[in-house]
Amino acid sequence: MKNMNMGNMMKQAQKMQKKMLKMQEELAKETVEASAGGGMVKVIANGAHKIESIIFEKEIVDSEDVEMLQDLVIASVNDALEKSHKMVSEKMNKITGGLNIPGLS
């Protein structure tokens, strides 16, 4: 009887693993956008937590104030990555039923 339960658990785990791999592939194609400085710097990140693009409005590029541009880039990149992590966590929770499985989000 224990072997049957273990066999079912293994099948369920394999099924969940396949779903998670498929979800990770799909998430890598989805994007989130974040901005800073009233939209002067925009960052687009995907569900694989990779930055796809950084967009500057021309008005923000000022050689006399490089530090402000650097701060806005950092703020928008961090926001985009945070949104990416949140998107992945929400979608993975649908598959795992809220189980906290290390390394998934």
Protein backbone atom coordinates (compact mmCIF):
# COMPACT_ATOMS: atom_id res chain seq x y z
CA MET A 1 0.00 0.00 0.00
CA LYS A 2 2.87 2.41 0.79
CA ASN A 3 4.42 1.74 -2.61
CA MET A 4 1.20 2.79 -4.35
CA ASN A 5 1.09 6.07 -2.43
CA MET A 6 4.77 6.71 -3.14
CA GLY A 7 4.21 5.94 -6.82
CA ASN A 8 1.30 8.38 -6.97
CA MET A 9 3.34 11.03 -5.20
CA MET A 10 6.17 10.60 -7.70
CA LYS A 11 3.74 10.90 -10.62
CA GLN A 12 2.26 14.04 -9.11
CA ALA A 13 5.73 15.51 -8.53
CA GLN A 14 6.74 14.81 -12.13
CA LYS A 15 3.51 16.32 -13.38
CA MET A 16 4.08 19.46 -11.28
CA GLN A 17 7.68 19.68 -12.48
CA LYS A 18 6.56 19.61 -16.13
CA LYS A 19 4.00 22.33 -15.44
CA MET A 20 6.60 24.47 -13.70
CA LEU A 21 9.10 24.10 -16.55
CA LYS A 22 6.42 25.08 -19.06
CA MET A 23 5.44 28.04 -16.88
CA GLN A 24 9.08 29.19 -16.64
CA GLU A 25 9.36 29.11 -20.45
CA GLU A 26 6.15 31.13 -20.77
CA LEU A 27 7.22 33.62 -18.09
CA ALA A 28 10.49 34.28 -19.92
CA LYS A 29 8.35 35.69 -22.75
CA GLU A 30 6.23 37.92 -20.48
CA THR A 31 7.41 41.38 -19.53
CA VAL A 32 6.86 44.02 -16.90
CA GLU A 33 7.64 47.72 -17.15
CA ALA A 34 8.85 50.10 -14.48
CA SER A 35 9.77 53.74 -14.63
CA ALA A 36 11.38 56.49 -12.59
CA GLY A 37 11.56 60.25 -12.81
CA GLY A 38 7.98 60.60 -13.96
CA GLY A 39 8.53 58.19 -16.84
CA MET A 40 11.81 59.74 -17.96
CA VAL A 41 13.57 56.37 -17.51
CA LYS A 42 11.72 53.15 -18.37
CA VAL A 43 12.94 49.60 -17.89
CA ILE A 44 11.40 46.44 -19.31
CA ALA A 45 12.22 43.11 -17.63
CA ASN A 46 11.01 39.62 -18.41
CA GLY A 47 9.86 36.75 -16.24
CA ALA A 48 13.37 35.27 -16.32
CA HIS A 49 14.46 38.36 -14.35
CA LYS A 50 16.47 39.72 -17.28
CA ILE A 51 16.43 43.36 -18.38
CA GLU A 52 15.23 43.57 -21.98
CA SER A 53 15.49 47.32 -22.50
CA ILE A 54 16.17 50.66 -20.87
CA ILE A 55 14.58 53.73 -22.46
CA PHE A 56 15.59 57.33 -21.75
CA GLU A 57 13.60 60.41 -22.66
CA LYS A 58 15.96 62.89 -24.34
CA GLU A 59 15.34 65.53 -21.68
CA ILE A 60 16.86 63.35 -18.94
CA VAL A 61 20.26 63.04 -20.62
CA ASP A 62 22.32 65.87 -19.14
CA SER A 63 26.11 65.62 -19.03
CA GLU A 64 26.08 68.05 -16.09
CA ASP A 65 23.91 65.73 -13.96
CA VAL A 66 25.03 62.15 -14.61
CA GLU A 67 24.36 61.18 -10.97
CA MET A 68 20.63 61.83 -11.33
CA LEU A 69 20.46 59.63 -14.42
CA GLN A 70 22.34 56.88 -12.60
CA ASP A 71 19.94 57.09 -9.66
CA LEU A 72 16.91 56.91 -11.95
CA VAL A 73 18.33 53.90 -13.79
CA ILE A 74 19.00 52.08 -10.53
CA ALA A 75 15.51 52.89 -9.20
CA SER A 76 13.74 51.78 -12.37
CA VAL A 77 15.81 48.60 -12.78
CA ASN A 78 15.18 47.59 -9.17
CA ASP A 79 11.46 48.27 -9.58
CA ALA A 80 11.32 46.23 -12.81
CA LEU A 81 13.10 43.29 -11.20
CA GLU A 82 10.81 43.46 -8.17
CA LYS A 83 7.76 43.41 -10.47
CA SER A 84 9.27 40.50 -12.38
CA HIS A 85 9.78 38.50 -9.17
CA LYS A 86 6.23 39.27 -8.06
CA MET A 87 4.78 38.18 -11.42
CA VAL A 88 6.70 34.90 -11.30
CA SER A 89 5.71 34.21 -7.68
CA GLU A 90 2.03 34.80 -8.39
CA LYS A 91 2.01 32.51 -11.41
CA MET A 92 4.07 29.78 -9.72
CA ASN A 93 1.73 29.85 -6.71
CA LYS A 94 -1.07 28.83 -9.06
CA ILE A 95 0.85 25.67 -9.92
CA THR A 96 2.27 24.83 -6.52
CA GLY A 97 -0.87 25.70 -4.59
CA GLY A 98 1.08 28.12 -2.43
CA LEU A 99 3.76 25.61 -1.38
CA ASN A 100 7.03 27.36 -0.72
CA ILE A 101 9.44 25.40 -2.89
CA PRO A 102 13.00 26.77 -2.70
CA GLY A 103 14.51 28.09 -5.91
CA LEU A 104 11.29 28.63 -7.84
CA SER A 105 10.74 32.33 -7.56
